[in-house]
C-alpha atoms as a PDB file:
ATOM      1  CA  LYS A   1     -58.638-235.110 -65.029  1.00  0.00           C
ATOM      2  CA  ASP A   2     -57.031-236.117 -61.730  1.00  0.00           C
ATOM      3  CA  PHE A   3     -60.279-237.645 -60.490  1.00  0.00           C
ATOM      4  CA  MET A   4     -60.795-239.600 -63.720  1.00  0.00           C
ATOM      5  CA  LYS A   5     -57.264-240.959 -63.289  1.00  0.00           C
ATOM      6  CA  LYS A   6     -57.997-241.945 -59.664  1.00  0.00           C
ATOM      7  CA  ALA A   7     -61.214-243.670 -60.706  1.00  0.00           C
ATOM      8  CA  ASN A   8     -59.270-245.599 -63.356  1.00  0.00           C
ATOM      9  CA  ASN A   9     -56.585-246.753 -60.891  1.00  0.00           C
ATOM     10  CA  ASP A  10     -57.415-250.305 -59.780  1.00  0.00           C
ATOM     11  CA  SER A  11     -55.308-249.937 -56.633  1.00  0.00           C
ATOM     12  CA  ILE A  12     -57.561-247.148 -55.307  1.00  0.00           C
ATOM     13  CA  THR A  13     -60.456-248.755 -53.467  1.00  0.00           C
ATOM     14  CA  VAL A  14     -62.102-245.663 -51.973  1.00  0.00           C
ATOM     15  CA  GLU A  15     -63.936-242.699 -53.417  1.00  0.00           C
ATOM     16  CA  HIS A  16     -62.229-239.306 -53.687  1.00  0.00           C
ATOM     17  CA  GLY A  17     -63.904-235.956 -54.152  1.00  0.00           C
ATOM     18  CA  TYR A  18     -64.472-232.385 -53.113  1.00  0.00           C
ATOM     19  CA  MET A  19     -67.078-229.665 -52.761  1.00  0.00           C
ATOM     20  CA  LYS A  20     -66.293-226.230 -54.222  1.00  0.00           C
ATOM     21  CA  ARG A  21     -67.582-223.296 -52.220  1.00  0.00           C
ATOM     22  CA  ALA A  22     -69.015-220.168 -53.820  1.00  0.00           C
ATOM     23  CA  ASN A  23     -65.910-218.245 -52.708  1.00  0.00           C
ATOM     24  CA  GLY A  24     -63.703-220.602 -54.772  1.00  0.00           C
ATOM     25  CA  THR A  25     -62.239-222.598 -51.874  1.00  0.00           C
ATOM     26  CA  TYR A  26     -62.503-226.359 -51.695  1.00  0.00           C
ATOM     27  CA  GLN A  27     -63.907-228.492 -48.919  1.00  0.00           C
ATOM     28  CA  THR A  28     -62.257-231.912 -48.937  1.00  0.00           C
ATOM     29  CA  PRO A  29     -63.464-235.081 -47.238  1.00  0.00           C
ATOM     30  CA  THR A  30     -62.262-236.000 -43.749  1.00  0.00           C
ATOM     31  CA  ALA A  31     -62.722-239.719 -44.466  1.00  0.00           C
ATOM     32  CA  LEU A  32     -62.709-241.768 -47.668  1.00  0.00           C
ATOM     33  CA  HIS A  33     -64.824-244.908 -47.914  1.00  0.00           C
ATOM     34  CA  ALA A  34     -65.518-247.536 -50.569  1.00  0.00           C
ATOM     35  CA  LYS A  35     -68.847-246.019 -51.581  1.00  0.00           C
ATOM     36  CA  LYS A  36     -69.121-242.648 -49.863  1.00  0.00           C
ATOM     37  CA  LEU A  37     -67.213-239.672 -48.537  1.00  0.00           C
ATOM     38  CA  THR A  38     -67.434-238.109 -45.100  1.00  0.00           C
ATOM     39  CA  TYR A  39     -67.164-234.352 -44.742  1.00  0.00           C
ATOM     40  CA  GLY A  40     -66.361-233.620 -41.090  1.00  0.00           C
ATOM     41  CA  SER A  41     -68.075-230.258 -40.926  1.00  0.00           C
ATOM     42  CA  GLY A  42     -70.839-231.424 -43.240  1.00  0.00           C
ATOM     43  CA  VAL A  43     -72.418-229.185 -45.835  1.00  0.00           C
ATOM     44  CA  SER A  44     -72.709-225.535 -44.802  1.00  0.00           C
ATOM     45  CA  GLY A  45     -72.888-222.357 -46.816  1.00  0.00           C
ATOM     46  CA  LYS A  46     -73.100-222.117 -50.592  1.00  0.00           C
ATOM     47  CA  TYR A  47     -71.424-224.319 -53.191  1.00  0.00           C
ATOM     48  CA  THR A  48     -70.956-224.249 -56.958  1.00  0.00           C
ATOM     49  CA  GLU A  49     -69.811-227.839 -57.504  1.00  0.00           C
ATOM     50  CA  ARG A  50     -69.597-231.248 -55.879  1.00  0.00           C
ATOM     51  CA  MET A  51     -67.522-234.076 -57.379  1.00  0.00           C
ATOM     52  CA  HIS A  52     -66.675-237.635 -56.372  1.00  0.00           C
ATOM     53  CA  THR A  53     -65.262-240.733 -58.018  1.00  0.00           C
ATOM     54  CA  HIS A  54     -66.881-244.027 -58.848  1.00  0.00           C
ATOM     55  CA  PRO A  55     -63.702-246.163 -58.726  1.00  0.00           C
ATOM     56  CA  GLY A  56     -63.174-248.879 -61.294  1.00  0.00           C
ATOM     57  CA  ILE A  57     -62.633-251.464 -58.567  1.00  0.00           C
ATOM     58  CA  HIS A  58     -66.320-251.096 -57.649  1.00  0.00           C
ATOM     59  CA  GLY A  59     -67.478-251.089 -61.257  1.00  0.00           C
ATOM     60  CA  GLY A  60     -66.845-247.417 -61.971  1.00  0.00           C
ATOM     61  CA  THR A  61     -70.481-246.874 -62.871  1.00  0.00           C
ATOM     62  CA  PRO A  62     -71.047-244.185 -65.534  1.00  0.00           C
ATOM     63  CA  TYR A  63     -74.330-242.994 -64.056  1.00  0.00           C
ATOM     64  CA  PHE A  64     -75.607-241.238 -60.943  1.00  0.00           C
ATOM     65  CA  SER A  65     -76.943-243.503 -58.211  1.00  0.00           C
ATOM     66  CA  ALA A  66     -80.226-242.836 -56.441  1.00  0.00           C
ATOM     67  CA  GLU A  67     -78.139-241.770 -53.437  1.00  0.00           C
ATOM     68  CA  ASP A  68     -76.199-239.282 -55.615  1.00  0.00           C
ATOM     69  CA  ILE A  69     -79.447-237.705 -56.824  1.00  0.00           C
ATOM     70  CA  SER A  70     -80.777-237.602 -53.258  1.00  0.00           C
ATOM     71  CA  VAL A  71     -77.609-235.855 -52.040  1.00  0.00           C
ATOM     72  CA  MET A  72     -77.925-233.356 -54.893  1.00  0.00           C
ATOM     73  CA  TYR A  73     -81.577-232.700 -54.067  1.00  0.00           C
ATOM     74  CA  ASN A  74     -80.865-232.204 -50.377  1.00  0.00           C
ATOM     75  CA  MET A  75     -78.136-229.673 -51.207  1.00  0.00           C
ATOM     76  CA  TYR A  76     -80.761-227.886 -53.317  1.00  0.00           C
ATOM     77  CA  ASN A  77     -83.558-228.220 -50.766  1.00  0.00           C
ATOM     78  CA  ASN A  78     -81.374-226.950 -47.919  1.00  0.00           C
ATOM     79  CA  GLY A  79     -80.215-223.899 -49.894  1.00  0.00           C
ATOM     80  CA  HIS A  80     -76.590-224.983 -50.288  1.00  0.00           C
ATOM     81  CA  MET A  81     -76.358-224.299 -54.040  1.00  0.00           C
ATOM     82  CA  ASP A  82     -74.994-220.855 -54.867  1.00  0.00           C
ATOM     83  CA  ASP A  83     -77.116-220.880 -58.057  1.00  0.00           C
ATOM     84  CA  PRO A  84     -79.201-224.022 -58.647  1.00  0.00           C
ATOM     85  CA  LEU A  85     -79.133-223.519 -62.420  1.00  0.00           C
ATOM     86  CA  THR A  86     -75.318-223.458 -62.665  1.00  0.00           C
ATOM     87  CA  PHE A  87     -74.447-225.831 -59.789  1.00  0.00           C
ATOM     88  CA  ARG A  88     -72.724-229.007 -61.043  1.00  0.00           C
ATOM     89  CA  TYR A  89     -72.953-232.388 -59.318  1.00  0.00           C
ATOM     90  CA  GLY A  90     -70.307-234.648 -60.782  1.00  0.00           C
ATOM     91  CA  ILE A  91     -68.924-238.131 -60.847  1.00  0.00           C
ATOM     92  CA  ALA A  92     -65.626-239.261 -62.347  1.00  0.00           C
ATOM     93  CA  SER A  93     -65.343-242.853 -63.514  1.00  0.00           C
ATOM     94  CA  PRO A  94     -62.929-244.839 -65.680  1.00  0.00           C
ATOM     95  CA  PHE A  95     -65.447-244.320 -68.505  1.00  0.00           C
ATOM     96  CA  GLY A  96     -65.600-240.539 -68.268  1.00  0.00           C
ATOM     97  CA  SER A  97     -66.762-237.684 -66.108  1.00  0.00           C
ATOM     98  CA  TYR A  98     -70.427-236.834 -65.819  1.00  0.00           C
ATOM     99  CA  MET A  99     -72.156-233.718 -64.537  1.00  0.00           C
ATOM    100  CA  LEU A 100     -75.784-233.152 -63.619  1.00  0.00           C
ATOM    101  CA  GLN A 101     -77.261-229.671 -63.712  1.00  0.00           C
ATOM    102  CA  ILE A 102     -80.756-228.522 -62.873  1.00  0.00           C
ATOM    103  CA  THR A 103     -82.515-226.979 -65.881  1.00  0.00           C
ATOM    104  CA  ASP A 104     -85.977-226.545 -64.361  1.00  0.00           C
ATOM    105  CA  GLU A 105     -86.362-226.161 -60.603  1.00  0.00           C
ATOM    106  CA  ASP A 106     -90.103-226.896 -60.582  1.00  0.00           C
ATOM    107  CA  LYS A 107     -89.610-230.157 -62.491  1.00  0.00           C
ATOM    108  CA  PHE A 108     -86.666-231.131 -60.305  1.00  0.00           C
ATOM    109  CA  LYS A 109     -88.703-230.495 -57.124  1.00  0.00           C
ATOM    110  CA  ALA A 110     -91.661-232.491 -58.499  1.00  0.00           C
ATOM    111  CA  PHE A 111     -89.330-235.379 -59.410  1.00  0.00           C
ATOM    112  CA  ALA A 112     -87.713-235.291 -55.947  1.00  0.00           C
ATOM    113  CA  ASN A 113     -91.076-235.112 -54.183  1.00  0.00           C
ATOM    114  CA  ALA A 114     -92.434-238.034 -56.213  1.00  0.00           C
ATOM    115  CA  TYR A 115     -89.631-240.207 -54.814  1.00  0.00           C
ATOM    116  CA  ASP A 116     -89.477-238.618 -51.320  1.00  0.00           C
ATOM    117  CA  LEU A 117     -85.805-237.693 -51.829  1.00  0.00           C
ATOM    118  CA  LYS A 118     -85.879-235.409 -48.800  1.00  0.00           C
ATOM    119  CA  ASN A 119     -86.125-238.446 -46.545  1.00  0.00           C
ATOM    120  CA  THR A 120     -84.846-241.482 -48.449  1.00  0.00           C
ATOM    121  CA  TYR A 121     -83.588-242.627 -51.815  1.00  0.00           C
ATOM    122  CA  GLU A 122     -85.036-246.165 -51.652  1.00  0.00           C
ATOM    123  CA  GLU A 123     -88.084-245.428 -53.846  1.00  0.00           C
ATOM    124  CA  LEU A 124     -85.877-243.883 -56.522  1.00  0.00           C
ATOM    125  CA  LYS A 125     -83.388-246.754 -56.253  1.00  0.00           C
ATOM    126  CA  ASN A 126     -86.207-249.274 -56.813  1.00  0.00           C
ATOM    127  CA  ALA A 127     -87.544-247.313 -59.807  1.00  0.00           C
ATOM    128  CA  MET A 128     -84.063-247.172 -61.329  1.00  0.00           C
ATOM    129  CA  LYS A 129     -83.577-250.915 -60.779  1.00  0.00           C
ATOM    130  CA  LYS A 130     -86.884-251.548 -62.530  1.00  0.00           C
ATOM    131  CA  ASP A 131     -86.418-249.191 -65.493  1.00  0.00           C
ATOM    132  CA  MET A 132     -82.672-248.990 -66.147  1.00  0.00           C
ATOM    133  CA  LEU A 133     -80.105-251.169 -67.824  1.00  0.00           C
ATOM    134  CA  PHE A 134     -77.186-251.984 -65.497  1.00  0.00           C
ATOM    135  CA  ARG A 135     -75.268-254.403 -67.696  1.00  0.00           C
ATOM    136  CA  GLY A 136     -73.795-253.611 -71.058  1.00  0.00           C
ATOM    137  CA  SER A 137     -71.320-251.121 -72.438  1.00  0.00           C
ATOM    138  CA  PRO A 138     -70.729-247.818 -70.630  1.00  0.00           C
ATOM    139  CA  THR A 139     -72.537-246.084 -73.520  1.00  0.00           C
ATOM    140  CA  GLU A 140     -75.587-248.343 -73.186  1.00  0.00           C
ATOM    141  CA  ILE A 141     -75.720-247.837 -69.409  1.00  0.00           C
ATOM    142  CA  THR A 142     -75.272-244.058 -69.743  1.00  0.00           C
ATOM    143  CA  GLN A 143     -78.027-243.959 -72.357  1.00  0.00           C
ATOM    144  CA  SER A 144     -80.275-245.975 -70.055  1.00  0.00           C
ATOM    145  CA  PHE A 145     -79.742-243.480 -67.212  1.00  0.00           C
ATOM    146  CA  LEU A 146     -80.392-240.569 -69.557  1.00  0.00           C
ATOM    147  CA  LYS A 147     -83.598-242.194 -70.821  1.00  0.00           C
ATOM    148  CA  PHE A 148     -84.671-242.655 -67.207  1.00  0.00           C
ATOM    149  CA  ILE A 149     -84.234-239.009 -66.154  1.00  0.00           C
ATOM    150  CA  THR A 150     -85.709-237.801 -69.463  1.00  0.00           C
ATOM    151  CA  GLY A 151     -88.714-240.092 -69.092  1.00  0.00           C
ATOM    152  CA  GLN A 152     -89.177-238.859 -65.524  1.00  0.00           C
ATOM    153  CA  ASP A 153     -89.101-235.228 -66.742  1.00  0.00           C
ATOM    154  CA  ALA A 154     -86.663-234.664 -63.873  1.00  0.00           C
ATOM    155  CA  GLY A 155     -85.547-231.155 -64.876  1.00  0.00           C
ATOM    156  CA  LEU A 156     -81.941-232.334 -65.158  1.00  0.00           C
ATOM    157  CA  LEU A 157     -79.286-231.972 -67.844  1.00  0.00           C
ATOM    158  CA  MET A 158     -76.430-234.458 -68.174  1.00  0.00           C
ATOM    159  CA  ILE A 159     -72.991-233.505 -69.482  1.00  0.00           C
ATOM    160  CA  GLU A 160     -70.407-236.150 -70.320  1.00  0.00           C
ATOM    161  CA  GLY A 161     -66.653-235.573 -70.417  1.00  0.00           C
ATOM    162  CA  LYS A 162     -64.395-238.032 -72.225  1.00  0.00           C
ATOM    163  CA  MET A 163     -60.650-238.291 -72.665  1.00  0.00           C
ATOM    164  CA  ASP A 164     -58.036-240.953 -73.214  1.00  0.00           C
ATOM    165  CA  ILE A 165     -56.886-241.399 -69.619  1.00  0.00           C
ATOM    166  CA  ASN A 166     -53.776-243.412 -70.529  1.00  0.00           C
ATOM    167  CA  ALA A 167     -52.643-240.821 -73.102  1.00  0.00           C
ATOM    168  CA  ALA A 168     -53.261-238.017 -70.614  1.00  0.00           C
ATOM    169  CA  GLU A 169     -50.807-239.673 -68.218  1.00  0.00           C
ATOM    170  CA  THR A 170     -47.959-238.863 -70.606  1.00  0.00           C
ATOM    171  CA  ASP A 171     -49.404-235.788 -72.344  1.00  0.00           C
ATOM    172  CA  PRO A 172     -50.845-233.249 -69.891  1.00  0.00           C
ATOM    173  CA  SER A 173     -52.099-231.076 -72.783  1.00  0.00           C
ATOM    174  CA  ILE A 174     -54.893-233.579 -73.504  1.00  0.00           C
ATOM    175  CA  GLU A 175     -58.161-232.014 -72.460  1.00  0.00           C
ATOM    176  CA  ILE A 176     -61.555-233.468 -71.581  1.00  0.00           C
ATOM    177  CA  ASP A 177     -64.089-233.306 -74.429  1.00  0.00           C
ATOM    178  CA  TRP A 178     -67.394-232.156 -72.863  1.00  0.00           C
ATOM    179  CA  ASN A 179     -70.758-232.930 -74.502  1.00  0.00           C
ATOM    180  CA  VAL A 180     -74.340-232.306 -73.438  1.00  0.00           C
ATOM    181  CA  LYS A 181     -76.253-235.584 -73.740  1.00  0.00           C
ATOM    182  CA  THR A 182     -79.886-235.665 -74.851  1.00  0.00           C
ATOM    183  CA  ILE A 183     -82.362-238.297 -75.937  1.00  0.00           C
ATOM    184  CA  VAL A 184     -83.827-237.775 -79.414  1.00  0.00           C
ATOM    185  CA  ASN A 185     -86.239-240.398 -80.800  1.00  0.00           C
ATOM    186  CA  GLY A 186     -85.044-242.859 -78.170  1.00  0.00           C
ATOM    187  CA  GLU A 187     -81.340-242.462 -79.031  1.00  0.00           C
ATOM    188  CA  MET A 188     -78.605-240.644 -77.159  1.00  0.00           C
ATOM    189  CA  LYS A 189     -77.248-237.576 -78.962  1.00  0.00           C
ATOM    190  CA  SER A 190     -74.275-235.341 -78.178  1.00  0.00           C
ATOM    191  CA  ASN A 191     -73.977-231.572 -78.426  1.00  0.00           C
ATOM    192  CA  ASN A 192     -70.403-230.350 -77.996  1.00  0.00           C
ATOM    193  CA  CYS A 193     -70.136-227.775 -75.220  1.00  0.00           C
ATOM    194  CA  ASP A 194     -67.736-225.680 -77.337  1.00  0.00           C
ATOM    195  CA  GLU A 195     -70.367-225.091 -80.015  1.00  0.00           C
END
């Protein structure tokens, strides 16, 4: 919730985030930048989660960039995920929080290898620019991203978390509503995570 609030705050011009280690401790950035975070000691050991904001001042994009997916793959490829099938890579934006999880390691590796994500994210970035919608409502853009990873058979699952950020400022009991997003017959569908 705190990261969604930061992403929604127009006075915050840099990303915020963390990496959660397998032992439950948090590694926080040593430097915050407009479109990236710097972790002084880098990535070492095993992690269960990595989260960062996409601040509203930079558009607050409700999808994962090619660089985000490359970072996730390199954490996987370098053995930094405690369990690749439960590791969560997240973004928090003014439009909601989003998590990516690997559902099929072989498909994820094939997807990453097809775009050379070990070395660069430029090929993936160009494919996303070609195939995705970047203007429209947050729902349309999210659906476009989901169609892209589904069409690529990327071995990834996307979970979306929504809440009324303004109401949560005054009522801390408001929780995030988490839903698994899928594409069925070309349309985005939600499956509530509590079901």
